[in-house]
Amino acid sequence: MYFPYGDKEITYLKSKDKKLGEAIDKIGIVQRPILPDIFTGIVYNIIGQQISTAVLNTVWHRLNEKLNIINVDSILSLSREELKSISITYKKADYILGIAQKIKNNEYSLAALYDMSDEEAIKSLSSLKGIGRWSGEMILIFSMQRKDVLSYDDLAIQRGMRMLYHHKKIDKKKFNRYKKRYSPYGTIASIYLWAIAGGAIKEMRDYQ
C-alpha cells in the first residue's frame, strides 16, 4: 500500500508554488509505502531510530519472520532477549514492550488518536517513551495517512527545501512560510521534498 494522493492535491500545490509544481511535473507520482496499522508503525519507527535504512530492512524482515503478524499480543509474546537476538537493542526493546503493555492494560488508546487534530495526536504519541515529535509526525503520515504533516525536524525535508528554493539554510521562519503555503497538503509536499533530497532531479544541488 502507498500513501494515497492524486490530481486534487497535486493541482492545489502547483497552484500555490510554481517551483514545487515544476518539480512535481518532472518527478511524477511518488509511491511511498505505508503501514496502516498504528502499532505496527510505532514498532517500525522505534526500530528504525538511528540506524540505516538497509539495517532497518534487515531487522524488520527478521521480526516479520519471527511473528506471523505484528500486534500488541504477538510483541508481548517475545522477551527483550528474543528481540535483542534479532538486533533490536535492549533500549528499543524496552520502549516497544513498554508501549505494547500500556496498550494491553488500556492505559493508552490508539483508537483515540483518530479523533484528535494533527497536533493533538503528535503530542499524545510523543508522551510515549521512545516516541519523540519527529516519530509522532512520521506515524501520522505513514500509518494514519494524515495529509498536512510537514516536519521541521526532518533533515531530508530541510535539504529538499534548500535544493528546491536555493537556500543555504532553512530557519523556522522560512519553514513556516512554506508550511502555510502547502497546507492543507503538507504531507504531499513532504513526499516530493524527500524525493528531491534523494536526487530525483539530477540537476538540483544542496546550497548549504
Protein backbone atom coordinates (compact mmCIF):
# COMPACT_ATOMS: atom_id res chain seq x y z
CA MET A 1 0.00 0.00 0.00
CA TYR A 2 1.15 3.54 -0.77
CA PHE A 3 0.29 6.96 0.61
CA PRO A 4 -2.91 7.99 -1.23
CA TYR A 5 -2.96 11.22 -3.20
CA GLY A 6 -3.79 12.33 -6.72
CA ASP A 7 -4.83 15.14 -9.04
CA LYS A 8 -6.68 17.16 -6.37
CA GLU A 9 -3.65 17.54 -4.11
CA ILE A 10 -1.17 17.99 -6.98
CA THR A 11 -3.29 20.66 -8.67
CA TYR A 12 -3.57 22.58 -5.40
CA LEU A 13 0.18 22.50 -4.70
CA LYS A 14 1.01 23.51 -8.27
CA SER A 15 -1.37 26.48 -7.98
CA LYS A 16 0.33 27.63 -4.77
CA ASP A 17 4.02 27.08 -5.57
CA LYS A 18 5.49 27.33 -9.07
CA LYS A 19 8.87 25.78 -8.20
CA LEU A 20 7.30 22.84 -6.40
CA GLY A 21 4.85 22.44 -9.29
CA GLU A 22 7.71 22.20 -11.79
CA ALA A 23 9.39 19.59 -9.61
CA ILE A 24 6.15 17.59 -9.37
CA ASP A 25 5.87 17.59 -13.18
CA LYS A 26 9.43 16.28 -13.51
CA ILE A 27 9.11 13.62 -10.81
CA GLY A 28 5.57 12.35 -11.42
CA ILE A 29 3.63 10.28 -8.89
CA VAL A 30 5.75 9.07 -5.97
CA GLN A 31 4.77 5.80 -4.33
CA ARG A 32 5.62 5.92 -0.63
CA PRO A 33 4.84 2.67 1.22
CA ILE A 34 2.66 2.94 4.33
CA LEU A 35 1.95 0.77 7.38
CA PRO A 36 -1.76 1.43 8.02
CA ASP A 37 -1.76 -0.16 11.50
CA ILE A 38 -0.62 2.43 14.06
CA PHE A 39 1.00 -0.07 16.44
CA THR A 40 2.96 -1.65 13.58
CA GLY A 41 4.04 1.86 12.59
CA ILE A 42 5.22 2.58 16.13
CA VAL A 43 7.31 -0.60 16.26
CA TYR A 44 8.80 0.11 12.82
CA ASN A 45 9.63 3.68 13.78
CA ILE A 46 11.35 2.74 17.04
CA ILE A 47 13.40 0.02 15.37
CA GLY A 48 14.47 2.46 12.66
CA GLN A 49 15.77 5.16 15.01
CA GLN A 50 19.46 5.98 14.43
CA ILE A 51 20.14 3.10 12.03
CA SER A 52 20.44 2.98 8.25
CA THR A 53 17.54 2.00 6.00
CA ALA A 54 19.41 -1.16 4.99
CA VAL A 55 19.83 -2.27 8.61
CA LEU A 56 16.20 -1.37 9.37
CA ASN A 57 15.01 -3.52 6.45
CA THR A 58 17.09 -6.47 7.71
CA VAL A 59 15.81 -6.21 11.30
CA TRP A 60 12.21 -5.68 10.12
CA HIS A 61 12.45 -8.81 7.95
CA ARG A 62 13.73 -10.83 10.92
CA LEU A 63 10.87 -9.61 13.14
CA ASN A 64 8.30 -10.48 10.48
CA GLU A 65 9.83 -13.94 10.13
CA LYS A 66 9.58 -14.43 13.89
CA LEU A 67 5.94 -13.30 14.12
CA ASN A 68 3.11 -14.15 11.75
CA ILE A 69 1.56 -10.76 12.47
CA ILE A 70 2.89 -7.76 14.38
CA ASN A 71 0.41 -6.63 17.02
CA VAL A 72 0.32 -5.99 20.75
CA ASP A 73 -0.18 -9.63 21.74
CA SER A 74 2.46 -11.04 19.38
CA ILE A 75 5.04 -8.45 20.53
CA LEU A 76 4.30 -9.20 24.18
CA SER A 77 4.88 -12.90 23.49
CA LEU A 78 8.56 -12.05 22.96
CA SER A 79 11.12 -11.28 25.68
CA ARG A 80 13.60 -8.44 25.45
CA GLU A 81 16.28 -11.12 24.93
CA GLU A 82 14.39 -12.50 21.93
CA LEU A 83 14.11 -9.00 20.48
CA LYS A 84 17.83 -8.46 21.13
CA SER A 85 18.59 -11.70 19.24
CA ILE A 86 17.28 -10.10 16.03
CA SER A 87 19.42 -6.97 16.56
CA ILE A 88 16.90 -4.78 18.39
CA THR A 89 18.78 -3.05 21.23
CA TYR A 90 17.61 -3.57 24.79
CA LYS A 91 16.67 0.12 24.95
CA LYS A 92 14.45 -0.13 21.87
CA ALA A 93 13.05 -3.48 23.05
CA ASP A 94 12.06 -1.86 26.36
CA TYR A 95 10.36 1.01 24.51
CA ILE A 96 8.41 -1.39 22.27
CA LEU A 97 7.42 -3.75 25.08
CA GLY A 98 6.52 -0.82 27.37
CA ILE A 99 4.19 0.74 24.79
CA ALA A 100 2.62 -2.64 24.00
CA GLN A 101 1.96 -3.24 27.71
CA LYS A 102 0.38 0.21 28.11
CA ILE A 103 -2.00 -0.53 25.24
CA LYS A 104 -2.73 -4.02 26.58
CA ASN A 105 -3.55 -2.56 30.00
CA ASN A 106 -5.88 0.04 28.42
CA GLU A 107 -3.59 2.80 29.71
CA TYR A 108 -3.21 4.18 26.19
CA SER A 109 -5.70 4.19 23.32
CA LEU A 110 -4.51 4.15 19.73
CA ALA A 111 -8.12 4.43 18.52
CA ALA A 112 -8.45 7.78 20.32
CA LEU A 113 -5.76 9.25 18.05
CA TYR A 114 -8.19 9.23 15.10
CA ASP A 115 -10.42 11.78 16.85
CA MET A 116 -7.53 14.16 17.51
CA SER A 117 -6.14 17.02 15.44
CA ASP A 118 -2.67 16.52 13.97
CA GLU A 119 -1.03 18.50 16.77
CA GLU A 120 -3.01 16.72 19.50
CA ALA A 121 -2.09 13.32 18.04
CA ILE A 122 1.60 14.24 17.80
CA LYS A 123 1.61 15.38 21.44
CA SER A 124 -0.19 12.23 22.53
CA LEU A 125 2.22 9.93 20.68
CA SER A 126 5.18 11.94 22.00
CA SER A 127 4.05 11.17 25.55
CA LEU A 128 5.01 7.53 24.95
CA LYS A 129 8.56 6.60 25.99
CA GLY A 130 10.59 6.09 22.82
CA ILE A 131 8.48 8.38 20.62
CA GLY A 132 9.56 11.99 20.04
CA ARG A 133 7.93 14.69 17.94
CA TRP A 134 9.56 13.58 14.66
CA SER A 135 8.50 9.97 15.26
CA GLY A 136 4.96 11.12 16.01
CA GLU A 137 4.87 13.08 12.76
CA MET A 138 6.08 10.06 10.77
CA ILE A 139 3.41 7.85 12.37
CA LEU A 140 0.76 10.42 11.40
CA ILE A 141 1.99 10.25 7.80
CA PHE A 142 2.82 6.60 7.28
CA SER A 143 0.21 4.93 9.49
CA MET A 144 -2.65 7.42 9.91
CA GLN A 145 -2.27 8.88 6.39
CA ARG A 146 -2.78 12.46 7.57
CA LYS A 147 -2.37 14.84 4.63
CA ASP A 148 -0.99 18.01 6.23
CA VAL A 149 2.20 17.00 8.04
CA LEU A 150 5.49 18.76 7.32
CA SER A 151 8.31 18.05 9.77
CA TYR A 152 10.80 20.79 10.64
CA ASP A 153 12.90 18.17 12.44
CA ASP A 154 13.29 16.07 9.30
CA LEU A 155 16.75 16.75 7.83
CA ALA A 156 15.77 15.46 4.38
CA ILE A 157 12.79 17.84 4.28
CA GLN A 158 15.13 20.75 5.02
CA ARG A 159 17.59 19.50 2.40
CA GLY A 160 14.79 19.24 -0.19
CA MET A 161 13.72 22.81 0.58
CA ARG A 162 17.30 24.10 0.23
CA MET A 163 17.64 22.34 -3.12
CA LEU A 164 14.26 23.46 -4.46
CA TYR A 165 14.39 27.09 -3.35
CA HIS A 166 18.19 27.66 -3.48
CA HIS A 167 18.50 28.47 0.22
CA LYS A 168 21.72 27.99 2.21
CA LYS A 169 19.70 27.42 5.37
CA ILE A 170 16.08 26.75 6.30
CA ASP A 171 15.22 28.56 9.52
CA LYS A 172 11.90 28.24 11.31
CA LYS A 173 10.54 31.42 9.69
CA LYS A 174 11.21 30.19 6.13
CA PHE A 175 9.91 26.74 7.02
CA ASN A 176 6.65 28.08 8.43
CA ARG A 177 6.12 30.19 5.32
CA TYR A 178 6.35 27.12 3.11
CA LYS A 179 4.26 25.06 5.53
CA LYS A 180 1.46 27.62 5.35
CA ARG A 181 1.72 27.69 1.56
CA TYR A 182 1.46 23.88 1.25
CA SER A 183 -1.42 23.49 3.72
CA PRO A 184 -3.71 21.50 3.72
CA TYR A 185 -1.45 19.13 1.73
CA GLY A 186 1.84 19.39 3.59
CA THR A 187 2.34 15.64 3.54
CA ILE A 188 2.19 15.53 -0.26
CA ALA A 189 4.73 18.37 -0.37
CA SER A 190 6.86 16.31 2.06
CA ILE A 191 6.77 13.35 -0.30
CA TYR A 192 8.18 15.49 -3.11
CA LEU A 193 10.76 17.19 -0.90
CA TRP A 194 12.01 13.75 0.18
CA ALA A 195 12.25 12.73 -3.47
CA ILE A 196 14.20 15.91 -4.31
CA ALA A 197 16.55 15.38 -1.34
CA GLY A 198 17.13 11.84 -2.58
CA GLY A 199 18.26 13.01 -6.00
CA ALA A 200 15.08 12.60 -8.06
CA ILE A 201 16.01 15.70 -10.12
CA LYS A 202 19.67 15.32 -11.04
CA GLU A 203 20.36 18.97 -11.85
CA MET A 204 19.34 20.13 -8.36
CA ARG A 205 22.04 20.57 -5.70
CA ASP A 206 22.18 21.39 -2.00
CA TYR A 207 23.06 25.07 -1.46
CA GLN A 208 24.14 24.64 2.16
